[in-house]
N, C-alpha and C. Protein backbone atom coordinates (compact mmCIF):
# COMPACT_ATOMS: atom_id res chain seq x y z
N MET A 1 0.83 -1.16 0.00
CA MET A 1 0.00 0.00 0.00
C MET A 1 0.89 1.25 0.00
N THR A 2 0.60 2.20 -0.85
CA THR A 2 1.40 3.42 -0.91
C THR A 2 0.72 4.52 -0.12
N GLU A 3 1.54 5.36 0.46
CA GLU A 3 1.04 6.46 1.27
C GLU A 3 0.80 7.67 0.37
N SER A 4 -0.33 8.29 0.52
CA SER A 4 -0.65 9.48 -0.26
C SER A 4 -0.02 10.70 0.39
N ARG A 5 0.53 11.61 -0.43
CA ARG A 5 1.14 12.84 0.08
C ARG A 5 0.41 14.02 -0.56
N PRO A 6 -0.73 14.41 -0.01
CA PRO A 6 -1.53 15.46 -0.64
C PRO A 6 -0.84 16.82 -0.69
N PHE A 7 0.18 17.05 0.13
CA PHE A 7 0.82 18.36 0.15
C PHE A 7 2.19 18.35 -0.52
N ALA A 8 2.55 17.25 -1.16
CA ALA A 8 3.88 17.15 -1.78
C ALA A 8 4.07 18.26 -2.81
N GLY A 9 3.06 18.54 -3.61
CA GLY A 9 3.15 19.60 -4.60
C GLY A 9 3.31 20.96 -3.97
N SER A 10 2.61 21.18 -2.85
CA SER A 10 2.73 22.47 -2.19
C SER A 10 4.09 22.62 -1.52
N GLU A 11 4.70 21.53 -1.09
CA GLU A 11 6.06 21.59 -0.53
C GLU A 11 7.05 22.03 -1.60
N ALA A 12 6.91 21.47 -2.79
CA ALA A 12 7.79 21.84 -3.90
C ALA A 12 7.58 23.30 -4.27
N ALA A 13 6.34 23.74 -4.29
CA ALA A 13 6.04 25.14 -4.62
C ALA A 13 6.62 26.08 -3.56
N LYS A 14 6.53 25.67 -2.30
CA LYS A 14 7.09 26.49 -1.22
C LYS A 14 8.60 26.58 -1.35
N ALA A 15 9.27 25.47 -1.65
CA ALA A 15 10.72 25.46 -1.81
C ALA A 15 11.13 26.35 -2.98
N GLU A 16 10.37 26.30 -4.07
CA GLU A 16 10.67 27.15 -5.23
C GLU A 16 10.49 28.62 -4.88
N ALA A 17 9.44 28.93 -4.13
CA ALA A 17 9.20 30.32 -3.73
C ALA A 17 10.32 30.84 -2.84
N VAL A 18 10.77 30.03 -1.90
CA VAL A 18 11.88 30.43 -1.02
C VAL A 18 13.14 30.65 -1.84
N THR A 19 13.41 29.78 -2.79
CA THR A 19 14.58 29.93 -3.65
C THR A 19 14.52 31.25 -4.42
N ARG A 20 13.34 31.58 -4.93
CA ARG A 20 13.18 32.83 -5.69
C ARG A 20 13.40 34.05 -4.79
N VAL A 21 12.90 34.01 -3.57
CA VAL A 21 13.07 35.13 -2.65
C VAL A 21 14.55 35.30 -2.31
N VAL A 22 15.23 34.21 -2.01
CA VAL A 22 16.65 34.30 -1.68
C VAL A 22 17.44 34.81 -2.87
N ALA A 23 17.12 34.34 -4.07
CA ALA A 23 17.81 34.82 -5.28
C ALA A 23 17.58 36.32 -5.46
N TRP A 24 16.37 36.78 -5.22
CA TRP A 24 16.07 38.21 -5.33
C TRP A 24 16.88 39.00 -4.29
N GLN A 25 16.94 38.48 -3.08
CA GLN A 25 17.72 39.16 -2.04
C GLN A 25 19.20 39.21 -2.38
N LEU A 26 19.72 38.15 -2.97
CA LEU A 26 21.12 38.14 -3.41
C LEU A 26 21.34 39.23 -4.46
N THR A 27 20.42 39.32 -5.41
CA THR A 27 20.52 40.33 -6.46
C THR A 27 20.51 41.73 -5.86
N GLN A 28 19.62 41.96 -4.90
CA GLN A 28 19.53 43.27 -4.25
C GLN A 28 20.83 43.62 -3.52
N GLU A 29 21.40 42.65 -2.83
CA GLU A 29 22.64 42.89 -2.09
C GLU A 29 23.80 43.13 -3.05
N MET A 30 23.83 42.39 -4.14
CA MET A 30 24.88 42.62 -5.14
C MET A 30 24.78 44.04 -5.70
N GLU A 31 23.57 44.48 -6.01
CA GLU A 31 23.37 45.83 -6.52
C GLU A 31 23.81 46.86 -5.48
N ARG A 32 23.45 46.63 -4.23
CA ARG A 32 23.83 47.55 -3.16
C ARG A 32 25.35 47.70 -3.07
N GLN A 33 26.04 46.58 -3.25
CA GLN A 33 27.50 46.58 -3.16
C GLN A 33 28.19 46.95 -4.47
N GLY A 34 27.43 47.05 -5.54
CA GLY A 34 28.03 47.30 -6.85
C GLY A 34 28.77 46.10 -7.39
N MET A 35 28.38 44.92 -6.96
CA MET A 35 29.04 43.68 -7.40
C MET A 35 28.39 43.18 -8.68
N THR A 36 29.20 42.84 -9.66
CA THR A 36 28.69 42.31 -10.91
C THR A 36 28.50 40.80 -10.82
N LYS A 37 27.74 40.27 -11.76
CA LYS A 37 27.57 38.82 -11.84
C LYS A 37 28.91 38.15 -12.13
N ALA A 38 29.71 38.79 -12.95
CA ALA A 38 31.03 38.24 -13.26
C ALA A 38 31.90 38.17 -12.01
N ALA A 39 31.82 39.20 -11.16
CA ALA A 39 32.62 39.19 -9.93
C ALA A 39 32.15 38.08 -8.99
N LEU A 40 30.83 37.89 -8.87
CA LEU A 40 30.33 36.80 -8.02
C LEU A 40 30.75 35.45 -8.60
N ALA A 41 30.66 35.32 -9.91
CA ALA A 41 31.07 34.07 -10.55
C ALA A 41 32.54 33.75 -10.24
N GLU A 42 33.37 34.77 -10.30
CA GLU A 42 34.79 34.56 -10.00
C GLU A 42 34.98 34.12 -8.55
N LYS A 43 34.28 34.77 -7.62
CA LYS A 43 34.38 34.40 -6.21
C LYS A 43 33.88 32.98 -5.96
N MET A 44 32.86 32.57 -6.73
CA MET A 44 32.27 31.24 -6.56
C MET A 44 33.04 30.17 -7.35
N HIS A 45 33.99 30.60 -8.16
CA HIS A 45 34.73 29.67 -9.03
C HIS A 45 33.77 28.94 -9.96
N THR A 46 32.91 29.72 -10.60
CA THR A 46 31.93 29.16 -11.52
C THR A 46 31.77 30.12 -12.69
N SER A 47 30.87 29.79 -13.59
CA SER A 47 30.66 30.64 -14.77
C SER A 47 29.61 31.71 -14.48
N ARG A 48 29.65 32.76 -15.29
CA ARG A 48 28.64 33.81 -15.18
C ARG A 48 27.26 33.23 -15.52
N ALA A 49 27.23 32.29 -16.46
CA ALA A 49 25.96 31.64 -16.83
C ALA A 49 25.35 30.93 -15.63
N GLN A 50 26.19 30.27 -14.83
CA GLN A 50 25.69 29.60 -13.62
C GLN A 50 25.15 30.63 -12.62
N VAL A 51 25.84 31.75 -12.48
CA VAL A 51 25.35 32.81 -11.58
C VAL A 51 24.01 33.32 -12.08
N ASP A 52 23.85 33.46 -13.40
CA ASP A 52 22.56 33.86 -13.96
C ASP A 52 21.47 32.88 -13.55
N ARG A 53 21.77 31.59 -13.64
CA ARG A 53 20.77 30.57 -13.25
C ARG A 53 20.43 30.68 -11.76
N ILE A 54 21.45 30.94 -10.94
CA ILE A 54 21.22 31.08 -9.50
C ILE A 54 20.32 32.28 -9.23
N LEU A 55 20.65 33.42 -9.85
CA LEU A 55 19.91 34.65 -9.57
C LEU A 55 18.52 34.65 -10.19
N LYS A 56 18.30 33.82 -11.21
CA LYS A 56 16.97 33.69 -11.80
C LYS A 56 16.20 32.54 -11.18
N ALA A 57 16.87 31.83 -10.24
CA ALA A 57 16.28 30.66 -9.58
C ALA A 57 15.81 29.64 -10.61
N LYS A 58 16.64 29.42 -11.62
CA LYS A 58 16.33 28.46 -12.69
C LYS A 58 17.14 27.20 -12.49
N GLY A 59 16.53 26.08 -12.79
CA GLY A 59 17.24 24.81 -12.70
C GLY A 59 17.26 24.29 -11.27
N ASN A 60 18.14 23.37 -11.04
CA ASN A 60 18.23 22.70 -9.75
C ASN A 60 19.24 23.43 -8.86
N ILE A 61 18.80 24.50 -8.21
CA ILE A 61 19.66 25.29 -7.35
C ILE A 61 19.53 24.74 -5.93
N THR A 62 20.64 24.33 -5.35
CA THR A 62 20.59 23.75 -4.00
C THR A 62 20.69 24.84 -2.94
N ILE A 63 20.26 24.51 -1.76
CA ILE A 63 20.37 25.43 -0.63
C ILE A 63 21.84 25.72 -0.33
N GLU A 64 22.69 24.73 -0.55
CA GLU A 64 24.13 24.92 -0.32
C GLU A 64 24.69 25.98 -1.27
N THR A 65 24.26 25.94 -2.52
CA THR A 65 24.71 26.94 -3.48
C THR A 65 24.25 28.32 -3.08
N LEU A 66 23.00 28.43 -2.64
CA LEU A 66 22.47 29.71 -2.20
C LEU A 66 23.21 30.22 -0.96
N GLN A 67 23.53 29.30 -0.05
CA GLN A 67 24.27 29.69 1.16
C GLN A 67 25.66 30.19 0.79
N ARG A 68 26.31 29.52 -0.14
CA ARG A 68 27.65 29.92 -0.57
C ARG A 68 27.62 31.30 -1.21
N ALA A 69 26.66 31.52 -2.09
CA ALA A 69 26.54 32.82 -2.75
C ALA A 69 26.25 33.92 -1.73
N ALA A 70 25.35 33.63 -0.79
CA ALA A 70 25.02 34.61 0.25
C ALA A 70 26.25 34.97 1.07
N ALA A 71 27.03 33.98 1.44
CA ALA A 71 28.23 34.23 2.24
C ALA A 71 29.22 35.11 1.48
N LEU A 72 29.31 34.91 0.18
CA LEU A 72 30.26 35.68 -0.63
C LEU A 72 29.84 37.13 -0.82
N VAL A 73 28.58 37.44 -0.57
CA VAL A 73 28.14 38.85 -0.59
C VAL A 73 27.97 39.38 0.83
N GLY A 74 28.44 38.59 1.80
CA GLY A 74 28.43 39.04 3.19
C GLY A 74 27.11 38.84 3.91
N ARG A 75 26.32 37.91 3.45
CA ARG A 75 25.02 37.62 4.08
C ARG A 75 24.96 36.17 4.52
N GLU A 76 23.94 35.88 5.31
CA GLU A 76 23.75 34.54 5.85
C GLU A 76 22.29 34.15 5.69
N LEU A 77 22.07 32.90 5.25
CA LEU A 77 20.69 32.40 5.17
C LEU A 77 20.26 31.95 6.55
N ARG A 78 19.04 32.31 6.92
CA ARG A 78 18.51 31.89 8.22
C ARG A 78 17.21 31.18 8.04
C-alpha cells in the first residue's frame, strides 16, 4: 500500500518560492555593493551563466549553493 502525500506539490512550490526570494535578495545585495555577476562568478569559481541561473532561480539550485553565494556577498541564510 502506498502512502498518499496530498501536500507534496505544495512543498515543492514552497521550496521554489523560497529559492526565488533568496535569489532576489542576493541580487539586491549585489546591486547595493556594486558587485557584478562576473565578480560573483569569480568568487564562486563558476561561470557567469551559472550565476545567472542562480539569480533567476532556474534549474536545480541547491540550498548549499544559495548559502555559498550569500556568504560571498556578506550575508547569511537563516
